[in-house]
Amino acid sequence: MRDNAEHSELPSPAHDSPDRPHPGAVLLLTPAQAAARLQVRESWLRAKVSARVVPCTFVGRHLRFSEQDLADIVAAGRTEPRRGRRNRRAP
């Protein structure tokens, strides 16, 4: 017979839901889902991956993106506004 204390530490597969990830689990998005979240074309995102200019995760041969990957892509594209006066040409 099993020790109940030992068994109670393990998560029960019967109570796991595919809709709710385990605490601490990293949610990975497909390229289509990531592109939709970034509001860009999937082809643009795949081209950036091929050029190795955006972070991504491979699970075997499958391309995926974490929330951190998306945050890093957005942060890399951020630009600061110009400061100072613009030079204007005299008429």
Foldseek 3Di string as FASTA:
>chain_A
DDDPVVVVVDDDPVPDDPVDDDVPDWDKAALVVLCVVVVHDSVVVVVCVVVVNFDWDQDPNGTIHTPVSSVVVVVVPDDDDDDDDDDDDDD
